[in-house]
Every structure is written in C-alpha cells, then in structure tokens.
Amino acid sequence: MLEPADLERPCPFDNRRHNTQDTATLGTLETLPVELLQMILLDLDLQSLTPLRSANRHTRLTIDTLWHYNEIIHYL
C-alpha cells in the first residue's frame, strides 16, 4: 500500500495547489509586463510548460493563469 505522504508528493504534472513556502521568482522574466510574459508562455508547447511549471511556486501560479493551459489540462 502507498503511504498518504507518498500520495501528497508533487509530481511534475501535478496541477493541484501546494502550500509551499517557495520564495523563488521568475528572475528577469518578472520585469516583463504580464501581457508580454503570457504571450511568451503561450508560444511554448505543453512539453515545455510542464517542467517550467515545476520550477517554483511563482512559475506554477503564473502558468496556471493561462486559460489555454487550463483548458488543455482539464481534458487530460
């Protein structure tokens, strides 16, 4: 049997919200206007967005704001 702690471990494609105390940011990408950042992220394919999303909490939340991404994930 799997332990409950093993089930809670985030995986790269985990689309649930986790209460991590991650203080990492998007780095220099954070200086871009939100609209431009979203345009850049929308040019990435799903195979690129998924590992980028797992980089840190801030990146995950930024990618989660893309409705295109959420529509795709909803149907997987």
PDB file of N, CA and C in Angstrom:
ATOM      1  N   MET A   1       0.826  -1.186   0.000  1.00  0.00           N
ATOM      2  CA  MET A   1       0.000   0.000   0.000  1.00  0.00           C
ATOM      3  C   MET A   1       0.867   1.244   0.000  1.00  0.00           C
ATOM      4  N   LEU A   2       0.333   2.259  -0.605  1.00  0.00           N
ATOM      5  CA  LEU A   2       1.014   3.553  -0.617  1.00  0.00           C
ATOM      6  C   LEU A   2       0.721   4.311   0.668  1.00  0.00           C
ATOM      7  N   GLU A   3       1.727   4.979   1.132  1.00  0.00           N
ATOM      8  CA  GLU A   3       1.558   5.829   2.310  1.00  0.00           C
ATOM      9  C   GLU A   3       0.932   7.158   1.877  1.00  0.00           C
ATOM     10  N   PRO A   4       0.084   7.765   2.713  1.00  0.00           N
ATOM     11  CA  PRO A   4      -0.516   9.063   2.357  1.00  0.00           C
ATOM     12  C   PRO A   4       0.522  10.126   2.016  1.00  0.00           C
ATOM     13  N   ALA A   5       1.669  10.102   2.672  1.00  0.00           N
ATOM     14  CA  ALA A   5       2.715  11.094   2.381  1.00  0.00           C
ATOM     15  C   ALA A   5       3.229  10.934   0.953  1.00  0.00           C
ATOM     16  N   ASP A   6       3.302   9.694   0.457  1.00  0.00           N
ATOM     17  CA  ASP A   6       3.751   9.461  -0.920  1.00  0.00           C
ATOM     18  C   ASP A   6       2.740  10.005  -1.921  1.00  0.00           C
ATOM     19  N   LEU A   7       1.479   9.949  -1.594  1.00  0.00           N
ATOM     20  CA  LEU A   7       0.446  10.457  -2.490  1.00  0.00           C
ATOM     21  C   LEU A   7       0.445  11.975  -2.564  1.00  0.00           C
ATOM     22  N   GLU A   8       0.909  12.629  -1.524  1.00  0.00           N
ATOM     23  CA  GLU A   8       0.937  14.085  -1.483  1.00  0.00           C
ATOM     24  C   GLU A   8       2.163  14.668  -2.151  1.00  0.00           C
ATOM     25  N   ARG A   9       3.161  13.830  -2.462  1.00  0.00           N
ATOM     26  CA  ARG A   9       4.386  14.326  -3.081  1.00  0.00           C
ATOM     27  C   ARG A   9       4.058  14.877  -4.467  1.00  0.00           C
ATOM     28  N   PRO A  10       4.400  16.137  -4.738  1.00  0.00           N
ATOM     29  CA  PRO A  10       4.082  16.715  -6.042  1.00  0.00           C
ATOM     30  C   PRO A  10       4.885  16.056  -7.162  1.00  0.00           C
ATOM     31  N   CYS A  11       4.240  15.864  -8.269  1.00  0.00           N
ATOM     32  CA  CYS A  11       4.926  15.351  -9.442  1.00  0.00           C
ATOM     33  C   CYS A  11       4.993  16.488 -10.471  1.00  0.00           C
ATOM     34  N   PRO A  12       5.819  16.367 -11.513  1.00  0.00           N
ATOM     35  CA  PRO A  12       5.967  17.457 -12.475  1.00  0.00           C
ATOM     36  C   PRO A  12       4.671  17.868 -13.163  1.00  0.00           C
ATOM     37  N   PHE A  13       3.723  16.959 -13.266  1.00  0.00           N
ATOM     38  CA  PHE A  13       2.487  17.283 -13.963  1.00  0.00           C
ATOM     39  C   PHE A  13       1.329  17.498 -12.986  1.00  0.00           C
ATOM     40  N   ASP A  14       1.679  17.738 -11.734  1.00  0.00           N
ATOM     41  CA  ASP A  14       0.673  17.918 -10.694  1.00  0.00           C
ATOM     42  C   ASP A  14       0.058  19.301 -10.808  1.00  0.00           C
ATOM     43  N   ASN A  15      -1.243  19.350 -11.045  1.00  0.00           N
ATOM     44  CA  ASN A  15      -1.913  20.634 -11.219  1.00  0.00           C
ATOM     45  C   ASN A  15      -2.690  21.073  -9.985  1.00  0.00           C
ATOM     46  N   ARG A  16      -2.409  20.447  -8.875  1.00  0.00           N
ATOM     47  CA  ARG A  16      -3.028  20.903  -7.631  1.00  0.00           C
ATOM     48  C   ARG A  16      -2.194  22.017  -7.031  1.00  0.00           C
ATOM     49  N   ARG A  17      -2.806  22.798  -6.169  1.00  0.00           N
ATOM     50  CA  ARG A  17      -2.078  23.849  -5.469  1.00  0.00           C
ATOM     51  C   ARG A  17      -1.403  23.232  -4.244  1.00  0.00           C
ATOM     52  N   HIS A  18      -0.169  23.591  -4.024  1.00  0.00           N
ATOM     53  CA  HIS A  18       0.567  23.124  -2.855  1.00  0.00           C
ATOM     54  C   HIS A  18       0.952  24.327  -2.030  1.00  0.00           C
ATOM     55  N   ASN A  19       0.906  24.159  -0.727  1.00  0.00           N
ATOM     56  CA  ASN A  19       1.235  25.251   0.186  1.00  0.00           C
ATOM     57  C   ASN A  19       2.720  25.232   0.515  1.00  0.00           C
ATOM     58  N   THR A  20       3.540  25.476  -0.480  1.00  0.00           N
ATOM     59  CA  THR A  20       4.974  25.517  -0.252  1.00  0.00           C
ATOM     60  C   THR A  20       5.375  26.944   0.084  1.00  0.00           C
ATOM     61  N   GLN A  21       6.437  27.062   0.809  1.00  0.00           N
ATOM     62  CA  GLN A  21       6.951  28.384   1.185  1.00  0.00           C
ATOM     63  C   GLN A  21       8.069  28.784   0.243  1.00  0.00           C
ATOM     64  N   ASP A  22       7.873  28.581  -1.033  1.00  0.00           N
ATOM     65  CA  ASP A  22       8.870  28.872  -2.055  1.00  0.00           C
ATOM     66  C   ASP A  22       8.978  30.384  -2.245  1.00  0.00           C
ATOM     67  N   THR A  23      10.180  30.898  -2.156  1.00  0.00           N
ATOM     68  CA  THR A  23      10.381  32.335  -2.328  1.00  0.00           C
ATOM     69  C   THR A  23      11.035  32.661  -3.665  1.00  0.00           C
ATOM     70  N   ALA A  24      11.233  31.656  -4.507  1.00  0.00           N
ATOM     71  CA  ALA A  24      11.853  31.888  -5.810  1.00  0.00           C
ATOM     72  C   ALA A  24      10.925  32.704  -6.700  1.00  0.00           C
ATOM     73  N   THR A  25      11.520  33.435  -7.625  1.00  0.00           N
ATOM     74  CA  THR A  25      10.745  34.273  -8.532  1.00  0.00           C
ATOM     75  C   THR A  25      11.001  33.843  -9.971  1.00  0.00           C
ATOM     76  N   LEU A  26      10.470  34.587 -10.895  1.00  0.00           N
ATOM     77  CA  LEU A  26      10.696  34.325 -12.307  1.00  0.00           C
ATOM     78  C   LEU A  26      12.005  34.932 -12.797  1.00  0.00           C
ATOM     79  N   GLY A  27      12.737  35.559 -11.924  1.00  0.00           N
ATOM     80  CA  GLY A  27      14.010  36.177 -12.298  1.00  0.00           C
ATOM     81  C   GLY A  27      13.786  37.389 -13.187  1.00  0.00           C
ATOM     82  N   THR A  28      14.567  37.508 -14.237  1.00  0.00           N
ATOM     83  CA  THR A  28      14.459  38.668 -15.123  1.00  0.00           C
ATOM     84  C   THR A  28      13.150  38.668 -15.908  1.00  0.00           C
ATOM     85  N   LEU A  29      12.527  37.505 -16.041  1.00  0.00           N
ATOM     86  CA  LEU A  29      11.220  37.471 -16.711  1.00  0.00           C
ATOM     87  C   LEU A  29      10.169  38.257 -15.936  1.00  0.00           C
ATOM     88  N   GLU A  30      10.386  38.396 -14.635  1.00  0.00           N
ATOM     89  CA  GLU A  30       9.429  39.107 -13.788  1.00  0.00           C
ATOM     90  C   GLU A  30       9.368  40.597 -14.117  1.00  0.00           C
ATOM     91  N   THR A  31      10.391  41.119 -14.774  1.00  0.00           N
ATOM     92  CA  THR A  31      10.404  42.543 -15.125  1.00  0.00           C
ATOM     93  C   THR A  31       9.521  42.840 -16.339  1.00  0.00           C
ATOM     94  N   LEU A  32       9.129  41.803 -17.060  1.00  0.00           N
ATOM     95  CA  LEU A  32       8.272  41.993 -18.231  1.00  0.00           C
ATOM     96  C   LEU A  32       6.832  42.276 -17.814  1.00  0.00           C
ATOM     97  N   PRO A  33       6.105  43.021 -18.611  1.00  0.00           N
ATOM     98  CA  PRO A  33       4.676  43.189 -18.336  1.00  0.00           C
ATOM     99  C   PRO A  33       3.973  41.826 -18.411  1.00  0.00           C
ATOM    100  N   VAL A  34       2.944  41.665 -17.644  1.00  0.00           N
ATOM    101  CA  VAL A  34       2.227  40.392 -17.568  1.00  0.00           C
ATOM    102  C   VAL A  34       1.750  39.943 -18.947  1.00  0.00           C
ATOM    103  N   GLU A  35       1.259  40.883 -19.735  1.00  0.00           N
ATOM    104  CA  GLU A  35       0.740  40.539 -21.063  1.00  0.00           C
ATOM    105  C   GLU A  35       1.830  39.946 -21.946  1.00  0.00           C
ATOM    106  N   LEU A  36       3.026  40.518 -21.891  1.00  0.00           N
ATOM    107  CA  LEU A  36       4.135  40.018 -22.692  1.00  0.00           C
ATOM    108  C   LEU A  36       4.596  38.647 -22.187  1.00  0.00           C
ATOM    109  N   LEU A  37       4.656  38.490 -20.884  1.00  0.00           N
ATOM    110  CA  LEU A  37       5.033  37.204 -20.303  1.00  0.00           C
ATOM    111  C   LEU A  37       4.038  36.113 -20.713  1.00  0.00           C
ATOM    112  N   GLN A  38       2.752  36.430 -20.687  1.00  0.00           N
ATOM    113  CA  GLN A  38       1.742  35.457 -21.106  1.00  0.00           C
ATOM    114  C   GLN A  38       1.892  35.111 -22.583  1.00  0.00           C
ATOM    115  N   MET A  39       2.222  36.084 -23.416  1.00  0.00           N
ATOM    116  CA  MET A  39       2.430  35.816 -24.837  1.00  0.00           C
ATOM    117  C   MET A  39       3.614  34.866 -25.046  1.00  0.00           C
ATOM    118  N   ILE A  40       4.669  35.060 -24.267  1.00  0.00           N
ATOM    119  CA  ILE A  40       5.838  34.185 -24.358  1.00  0.00           C
ATOM    120  C   ILE A  40       5.463  32.767 -23.928  1.00  0.00           C
ATOM    121  N   LEU A  41       4.762  32.663 -22.810  1.00  0.00           N
ATOM    122  CA  LEU A  41       4.380  31.340 -22.304  1.00  0.00           C
ATOM    123  C   LEU A  41       3.429  30.628 -23.257  1.00  0.00           C
ATOM    124  N   LEU A  42       2.562  31.369 -23.920  1.00  0.00           N
ATOM    125  CA  LEU A  42       1.621  30.752 -24.857  1.00  0.00           C
ATOM    126  C   LEU A  42       2.323  30.204 -26.093  1.00  0.00           C
ATOM    127  N   ASP A  43       3.530  30.671 -26.373  1.00  0.00           N
ATOM    128  CA  ASP A  43       4.296  30.146 -27.507  1.00  0.00           C
ATOM    129  C   ASP A  43       4.960  28.805 -27.182  1.00  0.00           C
ATOM    130  N   LEU A  44       5.011  28.458 -25.909  1.00  0.00           N
ATOM    131  CA  LEU A  44       5.622  27.188 -25.516  1.00  0.00           C
ATOM    132  C   LEU A  44       4.627  26.045 -25.679  1.00  0.00           C
ATOM    133  N   ASP A  45       5.139  24.864 -25.990  1.00  0.00           N
ATOM    134  CA  ASP A  45       4.261  23.700 -26.072  1.00  0.00           C
ATOM    135  C   ASP A  45       4.088  23.096 -24.679  1.00  0.00           C
ATOM    136  N   LEU A  46       3.197  22.126 -24.574  1.00  0.00           N
ATOM    137  CA  LEU A  46       2.880  21.522 -23.286  1.00  0.00           C
ATOM    138  C   LEU A  46       4.101  20.825 -22.681  1.00  0.00           C
ATOM    139  N   GLN A  47       4.933  20.221 -23.517  1.00  0.00           N
ATOM    140  CA  GLN A  47       6.136  19.545 -23.026  1.00  0.00           C
ATOM    141  C   GLN A  47       7.139  20.534 -22.445  1.00  0.00           C
ATOM    142  N   SER A  48       7.090  21.762 -22.848  1.00  0.00           N
ATOM    143  CA  SER A  48       7.981  22.791 -22.297  1.00  0.00           C
ATOM    144  C   SER A  48       7.367  23.464 -21.072  1.00  0.00           C
ATOM    145  N   LEU A  49       6.056  23.671 -21.097  1.00  0.00           N
ATOM    146  CA  LEU A  49       5.384  24.332 -19.982  1.00  0.00           C
ATOM    147  C   LEU A  49       5.400  23.478 -18.710  1.00  0.00           C
ATOM    148  N   THR A  50       5.263  22.181 -18.874  1.00  0.00           N
ATOM    149  CA  THR A  50       5.165  21.312 -17.707  1.00  0.00           C
ATOM    150  C   THR A  50       6.412  21.344 -16.833  1.00  0.00           C
ATOM    151  N   PRO A  51       7.625  21.154 -17.379  1.00  0.00           N
ATOM    152  CA  PRO A  51       8.798  21.259 -16.499  1.00  0.00           C
ATOM    153  C   PRO A  51       9.030  22.683 -15.992  1.00  0.00           C
ATOM    154  N   LEU A  52       8.718  23.675 -16.813  1.00  0.00           N
ATOM    155  CA  LEU A  52       8.862  25.060 -16.371  1.00  0.00           C
ATOM    156  C   LEU A  52       7.929  25.335 -15.200  1.00  0.00           C
ATOM    157  N   ARG A  53       6.733  24.787 -15.264  1.00  0.00           N
ATOM    158  CA  ARG A  53       5.745  24.965 -14.205  1.00  0.00           C
ATOM    159  C   ARG A  53       6.218  24.388 -12.879  1.00  0.00           C
ATOM    160  N   SER A  54       7.034  23.361 -12.936  1.00  0.00           N
ATOM    161  CA  SER A  54       7.502  22.728 -11.698  1.00  0.00           C
ATOM    162  C   SER A  54       8.750  23.397 -11.128  1.00  0.00           C
ATOM    163  N   ALA A  55       9.231  24.462 -11.761  1.00  0.00           N
ATOM    164  CA  ALA A  55      10.453  25.126 -11.298  1.00  0.00           C
ATOM    165  C   ALA A  55      10.285  25.740  -9.909  1.00  0.00           C
ATOM    166  N   ASN A  56       9.194  26.456  -9.695  1.00  0.00           N
ATOM    167  CA  ASN A  56       8.922  27.035  -8.378  1.00  0.00           C
ATOM    168  C   ASN A  56       7.456  27.460  -8.306  1.00  0.00           C
ATOM    169  N   ARG A  57       7.057  27.894  -7.134  1.00  0.00           N
ATOM    170  CA  ARG A  57       5.652  28.247  -6.905  1.00  0.00           C
ATOM    171  C   ARG A  57       5.219  29.430  -7.772  1.00  0.00           C
ATOM    172  N   HIS A  58       6.056  30.419  -7.893  1.00  0.00           N
ATOM    173  CA  HIS A  58       5.707  31.612  -8.665  1.00  0.00           C
ATOM    174  C   HIS A  58       5.482  31.259 -10.134  1.00  0.00           C
ATOM    175  N   THR A  59       6.347  30.423 -10.676  1.00  0.00           N
ATOM    176  CA  THR A  59       6.200  29.998 -12.068  1.00  0.00           C
ATOM    177  C   THR A  59       4.927  29.186 -12.240  1.00  0.00           C
ATOM    178  N   ARG A  60       4.659  28.298 -11.288  1.00  0.00           N
ATOM    179  CA  ARG A  60       3.439  27.473 -11.344  1.00  0.00           C
ATOM    180  C   ARG A  60       2.196  28.359 -11.346  1.00  0.00           C
ATOM    181  N   LEU A  61       2.155  29.346 -10.484  1.00  0.00           N
ATOM    182  CA  LEU A  61       0.989  30.224 -10.412  1.00  0.00           C
ATOM    183  C   LEU A  61       0.842  31.059 -11.679  1.00  0.00           C
ATOM    184  N   THR A  62       1.963  31.481 -12.247  1.00  0.00           N
ATOM    185  CA  THR A  62       1.923  32.269 -13.480  1.00  0.00           C
ATOM    186  C   THR A  62       1.357  31.433 -14.628  1.00  0.00           C
ATOM    187  N   ILE A  63       1.826  30.218 -14.775  1.00  0.00           N
ATOM    188  CA  ILE A  63       1.339  29.350 -15.851  1.00  0.00           C
ATOM    189  C   ILE A  63      -0.116  28.969 -15.605  1.00  0.00           C
ATOM    190  N   ASP A  64      -0.491  28.805 -14.353  1.00  0.00           N
ATOM    191  CA  ASP A  64      -1.890  28.473 -14.038  1.00  0.00           C
ATOM    192  C   ASP A  64      -2.857  29.582 -14.412  1.00  0.00           C
ATOM    193  N   THR A  65      -2.382  30.802 -14.619  1.00  0.00           N
ATOM    194  CA  THR A  65      -3.278  31.890 -15.023  1.00  0.00           C
ATOM    195  C   THR A  65      -3.619  31.832 -16.510  1.00  0.00           C
ATOM    196  N   LEU A  66      -2.909  31.002 -17.266  1.00  0.00           N
ATOM    197  CA  LEU A  66      -3.172  30.885 -18.696  1.00  0.00           C
ATOM    198  C   LEU A  66      -4.401  30.010 -18.925  1.00  0.00           C
ATOM    199  N   TRP A  67      -5.469  30.586 -19.441  1.00  0.00           N
ATOM    200  CA  TRP A  67      -6.682  29.783 -19.622  1.00  0.00           C
ATOM    201  C   TRP A  67      -6.471  28.719 -20.685  1.00  0.00           C
ATOM    202  N   HIS A  68      -5.585  28.960 -21.650  1.00  0.00           N
ATOM    203  CA  HIS A  68      -5.283  27.949 -22.673  1.00  0.00           C
ATOM    204  C   HIS A  68      -4.717  26.688 -22.020  1.00  0.00           C
ATOM    205  N   TYR A  69      -3.793  26.893 -21.096  1.00  0.00           N
ATOM    206  CA  TYR A  69      -3.169  25.773 -20.382  1.00  0.00           C
ATOM    207  C   TYR A  69      -4.217  25.028 -19.561  1.00  0.00           C
ATOM    208  N   ASN A  70      -5.058  25.770 -18.869  1.00  0.00           N
ATOM    209  CA  ASN A  70      -6.079  25.145 -18.030  1.00  0.00           C
ATOM    210  C   ASN A  70      -7.085  24.355 -18.849  1.00  0.00           C
ATOM    211  N   GLU A  71      -7.426  24.836 -20.030  1.00  0.00           N
ATOM    212  CA  GLU A  71      -8.349  24.098 -20.897  1.00  0.00           C
ATOM    213  C   GLU A  71      -7.750  22.762 -21.327  1.00  0.00           C
ATOM    214  N   ILE A  72      -6.475  22.769 -21.669  1.00  0.00           N
ATOM    215  CA  ILE A  72      -5.818  21.528 -22.083  1.00  0.00           C
ATOM    216  C   ILE A  72      -5.747  20.547 -20.906  1.00  0.00           C
ATOM    217  N   ILE A  73      -5.328  21.026 -19.756  1.00  0.00           N
ATOM    218  CA  ILE A  73      -5.186  20.173 -18.579  1.00  0.00           C
ATOM    219  C   ILE A  73      -6.536  19.601 -18.147  1.00  0.00           C
ATOM    220  N   HIS A  74      -7.567  20.372 -18.309  1.00  0.00           N
ATOM    221  CA  HIS A  74      -8.916  19.929 -17.908  1.00  0.00           C
ATOM    222  C   HIS A  74      -9.321  18.653 -18.654  1.00  0.00           C
ATOM    223  N   TYR A  75      -8.892  18.523 -19.884  1.00  0.00           N
ATOM    224  CA  TYR A  75      -9.316  17.384 -20.708  1.00  0.00           C
ATOM    225  C   TYR A  75      -8.296  16.244 -20.739  1.00  0.00           C
ATOM    226  N   LEU A  76      -7.197  16.355 -20.001  1.00  0.00           N
ATOM    227  CA  LEU A  76      -6.224  15.253 -19.948  1.00  0.00           C
ATOM    228  C   LEU A  76      -6.631  14.205 -18.956  1.00  0.00           C
TER     229      LEU A  76
END
